[in-house]
Amino acid sequence: MPLNSLLLILLLAVVTLLVGVGVLALLLARPTWCAPLAGALAAMALMVTVTGMLVAVSRG
């Protein structure tokens, strides 16, 4: 079932890009939120990376 894992990774990438665009819009609207938003985005990117790696390794 490599198609399911590819779809999951694609979904994670799309969600990451959408959240990134949202964060960019917030940073342009409210520059004082830079530190909390950067930390939240970094944590989310780390979670997405770990999830993608786990899916890739478990699916073989």
PDB file of N, CA and C in Angstrom:
ATOM      1  N   MET A   1       0.803  -1.190   0.000  1.00  0.00           N
ATOM      2  CA  MET A   1       0.000   0.000   0.000  1.00  0.00           C
ATOM      3  C   MET A   1       0.856   1.269   0.000  1.00  0.00           C
ATOM      4  N   PRO A   2       1.754   1.407  -0.932  1.00  0.00           N
ATOM      5  CA  PRO A   2       2.575   2.618  -0.958  1.00  0.00           C
ATOM      6  C   PRO A   2       1.772   3.861  -1.334  1.00  0.00           C
ATOM      7  N   LEU A   3       0.626   3.671  -2.003  1.00  0.00           N
ATOM      8  CA  LEU A   3      -0.177   4.819  -2.402  1.00  0.00           C
ATOM      9  C   LEU A   3      -0.739   5.541  -1.180  1.00  0.00           C
ATOM     10  N   ASN A   4      -1.160   4.789  -0.175  1.00  0.00           N
ATOM     11  CA  ASN A   4      -1.690   5.417   1.033  1.00  0.00           C
ATOM     12  C   ASN A   4      -0.631   6.240   1.749  1.00  0.00           C
ATOM     13  N   SER A   5       0.583   5.724   1.840  1.00  0.00           N
ATOM     14  CA  SER A   5       1.636   6.475   2.520  1.00  0.00           C
ATOM     15  C   SER A   5       2.018   7.715   1.717  1.00  0.00           C
ATOM     16  N   LEU A   6       2.007   7.599   0.390  1.00  0.00           N
ATOM     17  CA  LEU A   6       2.293   8.780  -0.434  1.00  0.00           C
ATOM     18  C   LEU A   6       1.211   9.834  -0.278  1.00  0.00           C
ATOM     19  N   LEU A   7      -0.029   9.396  -0.204  1.00  0.00           N
ATOM     20  CA  LEU A   7      -1.121  10.349   0.000  1.00  0.00           C
ATOM     21  C   LEU A   7      -1.021  11.019   1.364  1.00  0.00           C
ATOM     22  N   LEU A   8      -0.640  10.270   2.380  1.00  0.00           N
ATOM     23  CA  LEU A   8      -0.480  10.852   3.711  1.00  0.00           C
ATOM     24  C   LEU A   8       0.646  11.876   3.720  1.00  0.00           C
ATOM     25  N   ILE A   9       1.751  11.552   3.090  1.00  0.00           N
ATOM     26  CA  ILE A   9       2.873  12.493   3.034  1.00  0.00           C
ATOM     27  C   ILE A   9       2.480  13.737   2.237  1.00  0.00           C
ATOM     28  N   LEU A  10       1.740  13.565   1.142  1.00  0.00           N
ATOM     29  CA  LEU A  10       1.264  14.708   0.363  1.00  0.00           C
ATOM     30  C   LEU A  10       0.325  15.569   1.201  1.00  0.00           C
ATOM     31  N   LEU A  11      -0.564  14.927   1.949  1.00  0.00           N
ATOM     32  CA  LEU A  11      -1.480  15.674   2.815  1.00  0.00           C
ATOM     33  C   LEU A  11      -0.707  16.455   3.873  1.00  0.00           C
ATOM     34  N   LEU A  12       0.302  15.841   4.471  1.00  0.00           N
ATOM     35  CA  LEU A  12       1.114  16.535   5.463  1.00  0.00           C
ATOM     36  C   LEU A  12       1.847  17.727   4.847  1.00  0.00           C
ATOM     37  N   ALA A  13       2.342  17.559   3.632  1.00  0.00           N
ATOM     38  CA  ALA A  13       3.035  18.661   2.965  1.00  0.00           C
ATOM     39  C   ALA A  13       2.080  19.806   2.662  1.00  0.00           C
ATOM     40  N   VAL A  14       0.875  19.480   2.200  1.00  0.00           N
ATOM     41  CA  VAL A  14      -0.110  20.527   1.888  1.00  0.00           C
ATOM     42  C   VAL A  14      -0.523  21.259   3.162  1.00  0.00           C
ATOM     43  N   VAL A  15      -0.761  20.527   4.239  1.00  0.00           N
ATOM     44  CA  VAL A  15      -1.129  21.170   5.502  1.00  0.00           C
ATOM     45  C   VAL A  15       0.002  22.059   5.995  1.00  0.00           C
ATOM     46  N   THR A  16       1.239  21.596   5.862  1.00  0.00           N
ATOM     47  CA  THR A  16       2.385  22.402   6.283  1.00  0.00           C
ATOM     48  C   THR A  16       2.468  23.693   5.479  1.00  0.00           C
ATOM     49  N   LEU A  17       2.257  23.589   4.174  1.00  0.00           N
ATOM     50  CA  LEU A  17       2.302  24.792   3.342  1.00  0.00           C
ATOM     51  C   LEU A  17       1.171  25.755   3.689  1.00  0.00           C
ATOM     52  N   LEU A  18      -0.018  25.230   3.941  1.00  0.00           N
ATOM     53  CA  LEU A  18      -1.142  26.101   4.302  1.00  0.00           C
ATOM     54  C   LEU A  18      -0.899  26.803   5.639  1.00  0.00           C
ATOM     55  N   VAL A  19      -0.377  26.077   6.600  1.00  0.00           N
ATOM     56  CA  VAL A  19      -0.067  26.698   7.888  1.00  0.00           C
ATOM     57  C   VAL A  19       1.047  27.728   7.718  1.00  0.00           C
ATOM     58  N   GLY A  20       2.021  27.423   6.871  1.00  0.00           N
ATOM     59  CA  GLY A  20       3.093  28.384   6.605  1.00  0.00           C
ATOM     60  C   GLY A  20       2.577  29.673   5.994  1.00  0.00           C
ATOM     61  N   VAL A  21       1.637  29.564   5.077  1.00  0.00           N
ATOM     62  CA  VAL A  21       1.036  30.761   4.470  1.00  0.00           C
ATOM     63  C   VAL A  21       0.250  31.542   5.525  1.00  0.00           C
ATOM     64  N   GLY A  22      -0.462  30.821   6.381  1.00  0.00           N
ATOM     65  CA  GLY A  22      -1.190  31.503   7.460  1.00  0.00           C
ATOM     66  C   GLY A  22      -0.255  32.226   8.414  1.00  0.00           C
ATOM     67  N   VAL A  23       0.854  31.581   8.756  1.00  0.00           N
ATOM     68  CA  VAL A  23       1.837  32.208   9.642  1.00  0.00           C
ATOM     69  C   VAL A  23       2.445  33.436   8.979  1.00  0.00           C
ATOM     70  N   LEU A  24       2.742  33.342   7.698  1.00  0.00           N
ATOM     71  CA  LEU A  24       3.288  34.491   6.985  1.00  0.00           C
ATOM     72  C   LEU A  24       2.299  35.649   6.984  1.00  0.00           C
ATOM     73  N   ALA A  25       1.019  35.360   6.761  1.00  0.00           N
ATOM     74  CA  ALA A  25       0.010  36.416   6.786  1.00  0.00           C
ATOM     75  C   ALA A  25      -0.086  37.054   8.168  1.00  0.00           C
ATOM     76  N   LEU A  26      -0.029  36.232   9.216  1.00  0.00           N
ATOM     77  CA  LEU A  26      -0.063  36.794  10.571  1.00  0.00           C
ATOM     78  C   LEU A  26       1.174  37.628  10.873  1.00  0.00           C
ATOM     79  N   LEU A  27       2.327  37.175  10.394  1.00  0.00           N
ATOM     80  CA  LEU A  27       3.551  37.946  10.638  1.00  0.00           C
ATOM     81  C   LEU A  27       3.515  39.287   9.910  1.00  0.00           C
ATOM     82  N   LEU A  28       2.920  39.314   8.745  1.00  0.00           N
ATOM     83  CA  LEU A  28       2.808  40.584   8.031  1.00  0.00           C
ATOM     84  C   LEU A  28       1.801  41.503   8.714  1.00  0.00           C
ATOM     85  N   ALA A  29       0.752  40.922   9.296  1.00  0.00           N
ATOM     86  CA  ALA A  29      -0.261  41.734   9.963  1.00  0.00           C
ATOM     87  C   ALA A  29       0.198  42.182  11.353  1.00  0.00           C
ATOM     88  N   ARG A  30       0.858  41.293  12.083  1.00  0.00           N
ATOM     89  CA  ARG A  30       1.278  41.600  13.461  1.00  0.00           C
ATOM     90  C   ARG A  30       2.729  41.163  13.674  1.00  0.00           C
ATOM     91  N   PRO A  31       3.673  42.035  13.355  1.00  0.00           N
ATOM     92  CA  PRO A  31       5.099  41.662  13.483  1.00  0.00           C
ATOM     93  C   PRO A  31       5.535  41.355  14.921  1.00  0.00           C
ATOM     94  N   THR A  32       4.786  41.817  15.920  1.00  0.00           N
ATOM     95  CA  THR A  32       5.182  41.566  17.302  1.00  0.00           C
ATOM     96  C   THR A  32       4.971  40.109  17.706  1.00  0.00           C
ATOM     97  N   TRP A  33       4.238  39.349  16.930  1.00  0.00           N
ATOM     98  CA  TRP A  33       3.988  37.934  17.219  1.00  0.00           C
ATOM     99  C   TRP A  33       5.069  37.029  16.648  1.00  0.00           C
ATOM    100  N   CYS A  34       6.168  37.579  16.218  1.00  0.00           N
ATOM    101  CA  CYS A  34       7.184  36.825  15.479  1.00  0.00           C
ATOM    102  C   CYS A  34       7.727  35.640  16.275  1.00  0.00           C
ATOM    103  N   ALA A  35       8.130  35.852  17.514  1.00  0.00           N
ATOM    104  CA  ALA A  35       8.752  34.772  18.288  1.00  0.00           C
ATOM    105  C   ALA A  35       7.791  33.621  18.576  1.00  0.00           C
ATOM    106  N   PRO A  36       6.581  33.869  19.083  1.00  0.00           N
ATOM    107  CA  PRO A  36       5.684  32.737  19.338  1.00  0.00           C
ATOM    108  C   PRO A  36       5.297  31.987  18.070  1.00  0.00           C
ATOM    109  N   LEU A  37       5.066  32.713  16.989  1.00  0.00           N
ATOM    110  CA  LEU A  37       4.678  32.047  15.744  1.00  0.00           C
ATOM    111  C   LEU A  37       5.829  31.243  15.161  1.00  0.00           C
ATOM    112  N   ALA A  38       7.043  31.760  15.268  1.00  0.00           N
ATOM    113  CA  ALA A  38       8.191  31.012  14.754  1.00  0.00           C
ATOM    114  C   ALA A  38       8.390  29.724  15.549  1.00  0.00           C
ATOM    115  N   GLY A  39       8.215  29.793  16.856  1.00  0.00           N
ATOM    116  CA  GLY A  39       8.337  28.594  17.679  1.00  0.00           C
ATOM    117  C   GLY A  39       7.259  27.568  17.359  1.00  0.00           C
ATOM    118  N   ALA A  40       6.027  28.037  17.190  1.00  0.00           N
ATOM    119  CA  ALA A  40       4.925  27.131  16.869  1.00  0.00           C
ATOM    120  C   ALA A  40       5.131  26.491  15.499  1.00  0.00           C
ATOM    121  N   LEU A  41       5.590  27.267  14.535  1.00  0.00           N
ATOM    122  CA  LEU A  41       5.828  26.735  13.192  1.00  0.00           C
ATOM    123  C   LEU A  41       6.963  25.713  13.201  1.00  0.00           C
ATOM    124  N   ALA A  42       8.008  25.984  13.965  1.00  0.00           N
ATOM    125  CA  ALA A  42       9.119  25.038  14.052  1.00  0.00           C
ATOM    126  C   ALA A  42       8.672  23.731  14.700  1.00  0.00           C
ATOM    127  N   ALA A  43       7.860  23.814  15.741  1.00  0.00           N
ATOM    128  CA  ALA A  43       7.361  22.607  16.395  1.00  0.00           C
ATOM    129  C   ALA A  43       6.473  21.803  15.447  1.00  0.00           C
ATOM    130  N   MET A  44       5.621  22.492  14.695  1.00  0.00           N
ATOM    131  CA  MET A  44       4.750  21.801  13.757  1.00  0.00           C
ATOM    132  C   MET A  44       5.565  21.129  12.643  1.00  0.00           C
ATOM    133  N   ALA A  45       6.568  21.836  12.135  1.00  0.00           N
ATOM    134  CA  ALA A  45       7.397  21.263  11.083  1.00  0.00           C
ATOM    135  C   ALA A  45       8.139  20.026  11.583  1.00  0.00           C
ATOM    136  N   LEU A  46       8.590  20.073  12.836  1.00  0.00           N
ATOM    137  CA  LEU A  46       9.265  18.919  13.422  1.00  0.00           C
ATOM    138  C   LEU A  46       8.315  17.731  13.551  1.00  0.00           C
ATOM    139  N   MET A  47       7.090  17.985  13.987  1.00  0.00           N
ATOM    140  CA  MET A  47       6.104  16.908  14.117  1.00  0.00           C
ATOM    141  C   MET A  47       5.765  16.306  12.759  1.00  0.00           C
ATOM    142  N   VAL A  48       5.628  17.143  11.743  1.00  0.00           N
ATOM    143  CA  VAL A  48       5.326  16.651  10.398  1.00  0.00           C
ATOM    144  C   VAL A  48       6.476  15.818   9.864  1.00  0.00           C
ATOM    145  N   THR A  49       7.698  16.255  10.098  1.00  0.00           N
ATOM    146  CA  THR A  49       8.870  15.509   9.635  1.00  0.00           C
ATOM    147  C   THR A  49       8.960  14.144  10.311  1.00  0.00           C
ATOM    148  N   VAL A  50       8.767  14.113  11.620  1.00  0.00           N
ATOM    149  CA  VAL A  50       8.833  12.844  12.342  1.00  0.00           C
ATOM    150  C   VAL A  50       7.722  11.909  11.891  1.00  0.00           C
ATOM    151  N   THR A  51       6.506  12.446  11.717  1.00  0.00           N
ATOM    152  CA  THR A  51       5.395  11.620  11.254  1.00  0.00           C
ATOM    153  C   THR A  51       5.661  11.058   9.861  1.00  0.00           C
ATOM    154  N   GLY A  52       6.172  11.893   8.975  1.00  0.00           N
ATOM    155  CA  GLY A  52       6.504  11.418   7.633  1.00  0.00           C
ATOM    156  C   GLY A  52       7.564  10.348   7.633  1.00  0.00           C
ATOM    157  N   MET A  53       8.582  10.515   8.484  1.00  0.00           N
ATOM    158  CA  MET A  53       9.628   9.494   8.581  1.00  0.00           C
ATOM    159  C   MET A  53       9.075   8.183   9.141  1.00  0.00           C
ATOM    160  N   LEU A  54       8.225   8.276  10.161  1.00  0.00           N
ATOM    161  CA  LEU A  54       7.635   7.073  10.728  1.00  0.00           C
ATOM    162  C   LEU A  54       6.769   6.332   9.706  1.00  0.00           C
ATOM    163  N   VAL A  55       6.017   7.085   8.931  1.00  0.00           N
ATOM    164  CA  VAL A  55       5.188   6.463   7.896  1.00  0.00           C
ATOM    165  C   VAL A  55       6.071   5.802   6.853  1.00  0.00           C
ATOM    166  N   ALA A  56       7.117   6.505   6.419  1.00  0.00           N
ATOM    167  CA  ALA A  56       8.002   5.957   5.393  1.00  0.00           C
ATOM    168  C   ALA A  56       8.708   4.696   5.874  1.00  0.00           C
ATOM    169  N   VAL A  57       9.153   4.689   7.132  1.00  0.00           N
ATOM    170  CA  VAL A  57       9.868   3.527   7.661  1.00  0.00           C
ATOM    171  C   VAL A  57       8.914   2.364   7.915  1.00  0.00           C
ATOM    172  N   SER A  58       7.741   2.649   8.423  1.00  0.00           N
ATOM    173  CA  SER A  58       6.817   1.571   8.752  1.00  0.00           C
ATOM    174  C   SER A  58       6.212   0.931   7.508  1.00  0.00           C
ATOM    175  N   ARG A  59       6.109   1.681   6.433  1.00  0.00           N
ATOM    176  CA  ARG A  59       5.549   1.135   5.192  1.00  0.00           C
ATOM    177  C   ARG A  59       6.609   0.409   4.372  1.00  0.00           C
ATOM    178  N   GLY A  60       7.870   0.638   4.706  1.00  0.00           N
ATOM    179  CA  GLY A  60       8.956  -0.106   4.101  1.00  0.00           C
ATOM    180  C   GLY A  60       9.308   0.341   2.734  1.00  0.00           C
TER     181      GLY A  60
END
